[in-house]
Amino acid sequence: METDWYKLDSAGKLYASTVSSRVSTVFRLSASMYKSINASLLQEALEETLEEMSSFKVIVKKGVFWYYFEKTATIPTVSEEHYYPCSNLFFRGRNTFPYRVLYYNKKISLELSHMLTDGTGGMEFLKLLVRNYLKKEGVNVPCVRKKLNGFNFDNAFFQHYEKMVPNWQDTLDKAYKLPLRLDKRGVYHVTTGKLEIRVLKNIAKQHQTSITTYLLALYAEILIDIQAQNSKTRRPITINVPVNLRNFFETNTLKNFFVSVPVTIDPRLGTYSFEDIIETISIELKRYLNDKQLKTLIARGVRGERNFLLRALPLFVKDWISPMVHAKFGENLYTSSISNLGIISLDKELEKHVERFEFYPPPSIGNKIKAGVISYKDDMYITFGNLSNDRLVERMFFRKLVKEGVRIKIETNRSAY
């Protein structure tokens, strides 16, 4: 039966109640062209995209117990970018869209609140928007493409929740926190390193591991060194690795469908060589990345949402307690985060018009610095989003890659790097 409103998915409900002036829950996906963006054509392309992917034609509404989405005939207006990325959408209590479309010079940027979708769902929307924009520009767009009616707006967490599966049982210690001072509200520093996938793959191969594990190990080693230099006490270094559950469970949902997998290196156990770190991370990932173990992470999230006492609380109470619960059982357990959206592909007819894709992670006061990774054609783009003015982590990370023989082009919105 058709309805005029949608429930938020299990992850979206939590994100909706944790929004603040510093925790926007907004991430960015962008595509850079070889020509400057025509704003009027981009607006037309957005209108066409929303007709084809109508599940995004929603505004955020405030209910008695939960936020929800309501269908709308209104179309958002594209605007030229003029502020820091991933800023708050200020939807709480207002009839606003949970996303925005921006442009600047040759770049189209889609910024979305995590309450609507995750990186995979957002990328499907952005790819369609780019396709429609290029069509408006006169590019011969191929007729054969992925059928949009294959997508849905189902809550895949509920679909793959099994009542008999126990909750995730691991107990993580409070993780080491980087000694970074927050910058002014609204300021979000981003630093992107562009590098060749082929070179990085060869280096990872020398260490007999994958690119993802290699990058995690490199990051963990840096965080261990920073802790050793700045603190007498030792705490676990735990990196949050978001995992796309679509790779393990069959679904075509455009809503959120991911879980956070913790990867921990504990310096209290002794000194780790780089090979020790790689081996530990490989074991951790192998333990988690299977459908049986992932079901326990799904069960934890769904059972929390279905808890009768939580459901009965009015929304203003949820808005008050959710940030504290999220901090205690979520971000306090992590030192930082690396999210890899993988390789983005387009039809060959479109590829020659799109130079690159980028992914900016959402700002978070609990993890002041995060990394987003995305690959396109022959290159990988690693972007650090940082709520502080401290450049130490980004510098150490990219310098280590350079020492390994990786040539990197650095771009940043900071005044000086």
Protein backbone atom coordinates (compact mmCIF):
# COMPACT_ATOMS: atom_id res chain seq x y z
CA MET A 1 0.00 0.00 0.00
CA GLU A 2 1.36 3.42 -0.99
CA THR A 3 1.95 5.83 1.86
CA ASP A 4 2.94 9.48 2.01
CA TRP A 5 5.63 8.88 4.60
CA TYR A 6 8.55 6.56 5.38
CA LYS A 7 10.05 5.32 8.60
CA LEU A 8 13.75 5.93 9.15
CA ASP A 9 15.88 2.78 9.11
CA SER A 10 17.56 1.43 12.23
CA ALA A 11 20.75 3.46 11.77
CA GLY A 12 18.91 6.58 10.57
CA LYS A 13 16.87 6.84 13.77
CA LEU A 14 20.03 7.01 15.85
CA TYR A 15 21.69 9.57 13.56
CA ALA A 16 18.58 11.78 13.62
CA SER A 17 18.73 12.16 17.39
CA THR A 18 22.50 12.71 17.64
CA VAL A 19 22.67 15.79 15.41
CA SER A 20 24.27 18.85 16.95
CA SER A 21 26.15 21.94 15.78
CA ARG A 22 29.36 19.88 15.62
CA VAL A 23 27.94 16.43 14.80
CA SER A 24 26.14 17.08 11.53
CA THR A 25 25.91 13.37 10.44
CA VAL A 26 26.47 14.78 6.94
CA PHE A 27 28.92 13.16 4.54
CA ARG A 28 29.89 14.29 1.06
CA LEU A 29 30.20 12.51 -2.27
CA SER A 30 31.47 14.56 -5.17
CA ALA A 31 32.27 14.20 -8.87
CA SER A 32 34.67 16.50 -10.70
CA MET A 33 34.19 17.15 -14.40
CA TYR A 34 36.61 18.44 -17.01
CA LYS A 35 34.40 21.49 -17.68
CA SER A 36 32.83 24.11 -15.41
CA ILE A 37 29.38 23.24 -14.06
CA ASN A 38 26.33 24.86 -15.63
CA ALA A 39 24.00 25.55 -12.68
CA SER A 40 20.76 25.61 -14.67
CA LEU A 41 21.54 22.28 -16.35
CA LEU A 42 22.47 20.80 -12.97
CA GLN A 43 19.08 21.92 -11.58
CA GLU A 44 17.30 20.26 -14.51
CA ALA A 45 19.37 17.11 -13.98
CA LEU A 46 18.45 17.06 -10.27
CA GLU A 47 14.75 17.31 -11.10
CA GLU A 48 15.04 14.40 -13.55
CA THR A 49 17.06 12.35 -11.07
CA LEU A 50 14.45 12.79 -8.34
CA GLU A 51 11.74 11.65 -10.73
CA GLU A 52 13.71 8.49 -11.47
CA MET A 53 14.81 7.90 -7.86
CA SER A 54 11.70 9.16 -6.09
CA SER A 55 12.65 7.73 -2.68
CA PHE A 56 14.84 10.82 -2.27
CA LYS A 57 11.85 13.14 -2.75
CA VAL A 58 11.32 13.48 0.99
CA ILE A 59 11.56 16.02 3.76
CA VAL A 60 12.29 15.36 7.42
CA LYS A 61 9.38 15.55 9.84
CA LYS A 62 9.28 15.41 13.62
CA GLY A 63 6.86 12.91 15.14
CA VAL A 64 5.87 12.19 18.73
CA PHE A 65 8.24 9.22 19.11
CA TRP A 66 10.54 9.26 16.03
CA TYR A 67 11.61 11.42 13.13
CA TYR A 68 10.23 10.29 9.79
CA PHE A 69 10.31 11.17 6.08
CA GLU A 70 7.34 12.66 4.27
CA LYS A 71 6.95 12.64 0.50
CA THR A 72 7.12 16.05 -1.12
CA ALA A 73 6.57 17.51 -4.57
CA THR A 74 9.04 20.30 -3.81
CA ILE A 75 12.44 20.10 -5.50
CA PRO A 76 15.57 21.33 -3.68
CA THR A 77 17.56 24.07 -5.37
CA VAL A 78 21.19 23.50 -6.31
CA SER A 79 23.49 26.15 -4.91
CA GLU A 80 27.07 27.26 -5.31
CA GLU A 81 29.35 26.08 -2.55
CA HIS A 82 30.54 28.84 -0.23
CA TYR A 83 31.22 27.26 3.17
CA TYR A 84 33.00 24.35 4.81
CA PRO A 85 31.90 20.87 3.63
CA CYS A 86 29.54 18.58 5.57
CA SER A 87 27.90 21.40 7.50
CA ASN A 88 24.68 20.88 9.42
CA LEU A 89 21.44 20.59 7.45
CA PHE A 90 19.48 22.02 10.42
CA PHE A 91 16.54 19.73 9.86
CA ARG A 92 15.44 19.22 13.45
CA GLY A 93 11.95 20.59 13.82
CA ARG A 94 11.88 21.96 10.27
CA ASN A 95 10.54 20.65 6.97
CA THR A 96 13.91 20.37 5.26
CA PHE A 97 15.58 17.98 2.86
CA PRO A 98 18.06 15.47 4.33
CA TYR A 99 20.53 16.31 1.57
CA ARG A 100 21.80 19.17 -0.59
CA VAL A 101 23.37 19.49 -4.04
CA LEU A 102 26.25 21.96 -4.44
CA TYR A 103 28.54 22.97 -7.27
CA TYR A 104 31.84 24.83 -7.46
CA ASN A 105 33.87 25.35 -10.63
CA LYS A 106 34.01 21.83 -12.13
CA LYS A 107 32.72 19.90 -9.11
CA ILE A 108 29.26 18.56 -8.27
CA SER A 109 28.84 17.69 -4.59
CA LEU A 110 26.06 15.71 -2.96
CA GLU A 111 25.90 16.11 0.83
CA LEU A 112 23.59 13.74 2.70
CA SER A 113 22.59 13.16 6.27
CA HIS A 114 23.29 9.59 7.33
CA MET A 115 19.68 9.44 8.49
CA LEU A 116 18.69 9.05 4.81
CA THR A 117 21.25 6.66 3.40
CA ASP A 118 24.86 5.45 3.48
CA GLY A 119 27.73 5.86 1.03
CA THR A 120 26.47 3.15 -1.31
CA GLY A 121 22.96 4.58 -1.58
CA GLY A 122 24.32 8.09 -1.95
CA MET A 123 26.71 7.03 -4.69
CA GLU A 124 23.87 5.51 -6.73
CA PHE A 125 22.07 8.86 -6.56
CA LEU A 126 25.21 10.84 -7.47
CA LYS A 127 26.03 8.59 -10.43
CA LEU A 128 22.50 9.03 -11.78
CA LEU A 129 22.72 12.80 -11.22
CA VAL A 130 26.03 12.94 -13.13
CA ARG A 131 24.56 10.83 -15.94
CA ASN A 132 21.56 13.13 -16.28
CA TYR A 133 23.74 16.24 -16.10
CA LEU A 134 26.00 15.02 -18.90
CA LYS A 135 22.91 14.16 -20.94
CA LYS A 136 21.70 17.76 -20.51
CA GLU A 137 25.10 18.90 -21.75
CA GLY A 138 24.63 16.94 -24.95
CA VAL A 139 26.71 13.88 -24.13
CA ASN A 140 25.52 10.70 -25.84
CA VAL A 141 24.41 8.75 -22.75
CA PRO A 142 24.01 4.99 -23.28
CA CYS A 143 20.43 3.73 -23.04
CA VAL A 144 21.33 0.46 -21.33
CA ARG A 145 21.91 0.91 -17.63
CA LYS A 146 21.05 -0.57 -14.27
CA LYS A 147 17.28 -0.69 -13.86
CA LEU A 148 16.25 1.82 -11.25
CA ASN A 149 13.14 -0.12 -10.33
CA GLY A 150 15.47 -2.70 -8.84
CA PHE A 151 16.22 -0.30 -5.99
CA ASN A 152 13.95 -0.02 -2.98
CA PHE A 153 13.66 1.97 0.22
CA ASP A 154 13.28 -1.02 2.54
CA ASN A 155 14.78 -1.29 6.01
CA ALA A 156 17.25 -4.08 5.21
CA PHE A 157 18.26 -4.33 8.88
CA PHE A 158 14.80 -5.67 9.67
CA GLN A 159 14.82 -7.97 6.63
CA HIS A 160 18.04 -9.66 7.72
CA TYR A 161 17.46 -9.60 11.48
CA GLU A 162 17.07 -13.08 12.97
CA LYS A 163 15.36 -13.40 16.32
CA MET A 164 17.45 -16.36 17.48
CA VAL A 165 20.82 -14.74 16.69
CA PRO A 166 22.47 -13.39 19.86
CA ASN A 167 23.69 -9.82 20.16
CA TRP A 168 27.28 -8.93 19.43
CA GLN A 169 29.11 -9.86 22.63
CA ASP A 170 32.54 -8.26 22.44
CA THR A 171 33.31 -5.78 25.20
CA LEU A 172 35.69 -3.06 24.05
CA ASP A 173 37.69 -0.89 26.41
CA LYS A 174 37.49 2.86 26.05
CA ALA A 175 39.84 3.67 23.19
CA TYR A 176 42.72 6.12 23.02
CA LYS A 177 41.61 9.60 21.99
CA LEU A 178 43.82 11.90 19.94
CA PRO A 179 44.83 15.05 21.88
CA LEU A 180 43.24 17.45 19.39
CA ARG A 181 41.63 20.77 20.27
CA LEU A 182 38.37 21.50 18.48
CA ASP A 183 38.39 24.37 16.01
CA LYS A 184 35.54 26.88 15.78
CA ARG A 185 32.04 25.50 15.27
CA GLY A 186 31.24 24.86 11.63
CA VAL A 187 34.88 24.58 10.59
CA TYR A 188 35.77 21.27 8.93
CA HIS A 189 39.26 20.82 7.53
CA VAL A 190 39.61 18.31 4.71
CA THR A 191 42.85 17.03 3.22
CA THR A 192 42.87 14.71 0.22
CA GLY A 193 45.76 12.63 -1.04
CA LYS A 194 45.62 11.37 -4.64
CA LEU A 195 47.73 8.31 -5.45
CA GLU A 196 48.01 5.50 -7.98
CA ILE A 197 46.18 2.31 -7.05
CA ARG A 198 48.74 0.18 -8.92
CA VAL A 199 51.64 1.43 -6.79
CA LEU A 200 49.76 0.94 -3.51
CA LYS A 201 48.64 -2.53 -4.57
CA ASN A 202 52.24 -3.56 -5.24
CA ILE A 203 53.36 -2.33 -1.81
CA ALA A 204 50.50 -4.17 -0.09
CA LYS A 205 51.43 -7.28 -2.05
CA GLN A 206 54.98 -7.06 -0.71
CA HIS A 207 53.48 -7.28 2.77
CA GLN A 208 51.25 -10.17 1.62
CA THR A 209 48.06 -8.33 2.41
CA SER A 210 45.23 -6.35 0.81
CA ILE A 211 45.17 -2.59 0.21
CA THR A 212 42.50 -2.08 2.88
CA THR A 213 44.43 -4.03 5.52
CA TYR A 214 47.63 -2.23 4.59
CA LEU A 215 46.03 1.21 4.99
CA LEU A 216 44.48 0.21 8.32
CA ALA A 217 47.86 -1.06 9.55
CA LEU A 218 49.60 2.12 8.45
CA TYR A 219 47.01 4.24 10.23
CA ALA A 220 47.14 2.10 13.38
CA GLU A 221 50.95 2.40 13.51
CA ILE A 222 50.69 6.19 13.31
CA LEU A 223 48.11 6.31 16.10
CA ILE A 224 50.30 4.07 18.27
CA ASP A 225 53.27 6.42 17.72
CA ILE A 226 51.20 9.52 18.55
CA GLN A 227 49.98 7.93 21.78
CA ALA A 228 53.52 6.95 22.77
CA GLN A 229 54.71 10.53 22.24
CA ASN A 230 51.84 12.23 24.03
CA SER A 231 50.68 9.96 26.86
CA LYS A 232 52.31 7.95 29.64
CA THR A 233 49.32 5.63 29.92
CA ARG A 234 48.35 3.21 27.17
CA ARG A 235 44.88 2.61 25.78
CA PRO A 236 43.72 0.43 22.91
CA ILE A 237 43.91 1.87 19.40
CA THR A 238 40.55 0.95 17.88
CA ILE A 239 39.63 1.93 14.34
CA ASN A 240 36.01 1.90 13.24
CA VAL A 241 35.69 0.18 9.85
CA PRO A 242 32.19 0.62 8.33
CA VAL A 243 31.23 -2.51 6.37
CA ASN A 244 28.73 -2.49 3.51
CA LEU A 245 26.32 -5.32 4.36
CA ARG A 246 25.12 -5.50 0.76
CA ASN A 247 28.27 -7.50 0.03
CA PHE A 248 27.05 -10.23 2.41
CA PHE A 249 23.23 -10.08 2.30
CA GLU A 250 21.01 -9.80 -0.74
CA THR A 251 19.19 -6.45 -0.91
CA ASN A 252 18.74 -3.47 -3.22
CA THR A 253 17.92 -0.98 -0.50
CA LEU A 254 18.96 2.65 -0.88
CA LYS A 255 18.69 3.16 2.86
CA ASN A 256 21.52 2.64 5.34
CA PHE A 257 22.77 -0.92 5.42
CA PHE A 258 26.15 -1.07 7.11
CA VAL A 259 27.67 -1.93 10.46
CA SER A 260 30.78 -0.71 12.26
CA VAL A 261 33.47 -3.34 12.70
CA PRO A 262 36.10 -2.58 15.37
CA VAL A 263 39.76 -3.27 14.59
CA THR A 264 41.89 -3.07 17.72
CA ILE A 265 45.62 -2.95 18.41
CA ASP A 266 46.35 -2.87 22.16
CA PRO A 267 49.79 -1.36 23.03
CA ARG A 268 49.36 -2.59 26.63
CA LEU A 269 50.16 -6.07 25.34
CA GLY A 270 53.63 -5.08 24.16
CA THR A 271 55.46 -3.65 21.19
CA TYR A 272 54.06 -4.32 17.72
CA SER A 273 56.11 -4.46 14.55
CA PHE A 274 54.38 -3.37 11.35
CA GLU A 275 54.02 -7.02 10.34
CA ASP A 276 52.46 -7.77 13.76
CA ILE A 277 49.90 -5.02 13.15
CA ILE A 278 49.05 -6.39 9.70
CA GLU A 279 48.62 -9.91 11.08
CA THR A 280 46.41 -8.72 13.96
CA ILE A 281 44.19 -6.65 11.67
CA SER A 282 43.91 -9.50 9.16
CA ILE A 283 42.73 -11.84 11.93
CA GLU A 284 40.23 -9.26 13.22
CA LEU A 285 38.73 -8.66 9.79
CA LYS A 286 38.56 -12.36 8.99
CA ARG A 287 36.73 -12.94 12.27
CA TYR A 288 34.09 -10.32 11.53
CA LEU A 289 33.62 -10.39 7.77
CA ASN A 290 31.25 -13.31 7.41
CA ASP A 291 27.46 -13.40 7.42
CA LYS A 292 27.22 -15.23 10.76
CA GLN A 293 29.25 -12.74 12.77
CA LEU A 294 27.72 -9.76 10.97
CA LYS A 295 24.26 -10.98 11.97
CA THR A 296 25.20 -10.39 15.61
CA LEU A 297 26.00 -6.75 14.82
CA ILE A 298 22.67 -6.41 13.01
CA ALA A 299 20.90 -7.99 15.99
CA ARG A 300 22.46 -5.52 18.42
CA GLY A 301 21.19 -2.51 16.48
CA VAL A 302 17.70 -3.85 15.75
CA ARG A 303 17.07 -5.10 19.30
CA GLY A 304 18.01 -1.73 20.70
CA GLU A 305 15.53 -0.03 18.39
CA ARG A 306 12.79 -2.55 19.23
CA ASN A 307 13.23 -2.15 22.98
CA PHE A 308 9.78 -1.31 24.36
CA LEU A 309 11.00 1.28 26.87
CA LEU A 310 13.02 3.10 24.20
CA ARG A 311 10.14 3.07 21.74
CA ALA A 312 7.77 4.50 24.36
CA LEU A 313 10.00 7.49 25.14
CA PRO A 314 8.83 10.74 23.53
CA LEU A 315 11.12 12.16 20.86
CA PHE A 316 12.41 15.07 22.95
CA VAL A 317 13.70 12.55 25.52
CA LYS A 318 15.32 10.43 22.77
CA ASP A 319 17.01 13.58 21.45
CA TRP A 320 18.40 14.18 24.93
CA ILE A 321 19.71 10.70 25.75
CA SER A 322 20.74 9.45 22.29
CA PRO A 323 23.98 11.50 22.05
CA MET A 324 25.08 10.16 25.46
CA VAL A 325 24.26 6.56 24.55
CA HIS A 326 25.98 6.94 21.17
CA ALA A 327 29.08 8.34 22.87
CA LYS A 328 29.29 5.64 25.53
CA PHE A 329 28.53 2.61 23.38
CA GLY A 330 29.79 4.01 20.11
CA GLU A 331 32.37 6.72 19.69
CA ASN A 332 34.13 6.30 23.05
CA LEU A 333 35.12 2.83 21.84
CA TYR A 334 36.93 4.17 18.77
CA THR A 335 40.08 6.21 18.21
CA SER A 336 39.23 7.04 14.61
CA SER A 337 37.52 5.68 11.51
CA ILE A 338 38.40 4.67 7.96
CA SER A 339 35.57 4.11 5.50
CA ASN A 340 36.39 2.71 2.04
CA LEU A 341 33.65 2.99 -0.59
CA GLY A 342 35.72 0.93 -3.02
CA ILE A 343 36.06 1.38 -6.78
CA ILE A 344 33.51 3.57 -8.55
CA SER A 345 32.76 2.68 -12.16
CA LEU A 346 30.83 4.44 -14.92
CA ASP A 347 29.94 3.56 -18.50
CA LYS A 348 32.91 4.19 -20.81
CA GLU A 349 30.96 6.90 -22.64
CA LEU A 350 30.67 8.81 -19.34
CA GLU A 351 34.11 8.12 -17.87
CA LYS A 352 35.89 10.47 -20.27
CA HIS A 353 33.77 13.37 -18.96
CA VAL A 354 34.32 12.68 -15.23
CA GLU A 355 37.79 13.30 -13.84
CA ARG A 356 37.41 11.99 -10.29
CA PHE A 357 35.18 11.10 -7.34
CA GLU A 358 35.75 12.02 -3.69
CA PHE A 359 34.29 10.97 -0.36
CA TYR A 360 34.36 13.16 2.77
CA PRO A 361 33.44 11.40 6.04
CA PRO A 362 30.89 13.03 8.39
CA PRO A 363 32.35 15.19 11.19
CA SER A 364 32.21 13.73 14.68
CA ILE A 365 33.09 15.25 18.02
CA GLY A 366 33.89 11.80 19.46
CA ASN A 367 36.34 10.99 16.66
CA LYS A 368 37.68 14.40 15.69
CA ILE A 369 39.47 13.01 12.66
CA LYS A 370 38.21 10.40 10.19
CA ALA A 371 39.23 9.16 6.77
CA GLY A 372 37.18 8.41 3.67
CA VAL A 373 38.61 6.38 0.78
CA ILE A 374 37.31 6.07 -2.77
CA SER A 375 38.86 4.87 -6.04
CA TYR A 376 38.14 5.80 -9.64
CA LYS A 377 39.93 4.78 -12.82
CA ASP A 378 43.61 4.37 -11.88
CA ASP A 379 43.64 6.55 -8.77
CA MET A 380 42.68 6.38 -5.12
CA TYR A 381 41.58 9.43 -3.13
CA ILE A 382 42.11 9.35 0.64
CA THR A 383 40.41 12.24 2.44
CA PHE A 384 40.86 13.12 6.11
CA GLY A 385 38.10 15.18 7.70
CA ASN A 386 39.34 17.00 10.80
CA LEU A 387 37.46 19.14 13.35
CA SER A 388 40.73 20.48 14.76
CA ASN A 389 43.37 22.73 13.24
CA ASP A 390 46.08 20.15 14.00
CA ARG A 391 47.66 18.65 10.88
CA LEU A 392 49.79 15.99 12.60
CA VAL A 393 47.79 12.87 11.68
CA GLU A 394 47.40 13.72 8.00
CA ARG A 395 51.06 14.65 7.67
CA MET A 396 52.32 11.48 9.34
CA PHE A 397 50.01 9.27 7.28
CA PHE A 398 50.90 10.69 3.88
CA ARG A 399 54.61 10.98 4.73
CA LYS A 400 54.70 7.29 5.62
CA LEU A 401 53.17 6.45 2.25
CA VAL A 402 55.75 8.65 0.50
CA LYS A 403 58.56 6.83 2.33
CA GLU A 404 57.12 3.58 1.01
CA GLY A 405 57.51 4.91 -2.53
CA VAL A 406 53.99 6.24 -3.16
CA ARG A 407 53.76 9.53 -5.06
CA ILE A 408 50.95 11.64 -3.60
CA LYS A 409 49.31 14.86 -4.67
CA ILE A 410 47.91 16.70 -1.65
CA GLU A 411 44.90 19.03 -1.78
CA THR A 412 43.33 20.76 1.22
CA ASN A 413 40.91 23.53 2.16
CA ARG A 414 43.33 24.73 4.84
CA SER A 415 44.96 28.11 4.26
CA ALA A 416 48.42 26.51 4.47
CA TYR A 417 49.50 22.89 4.65
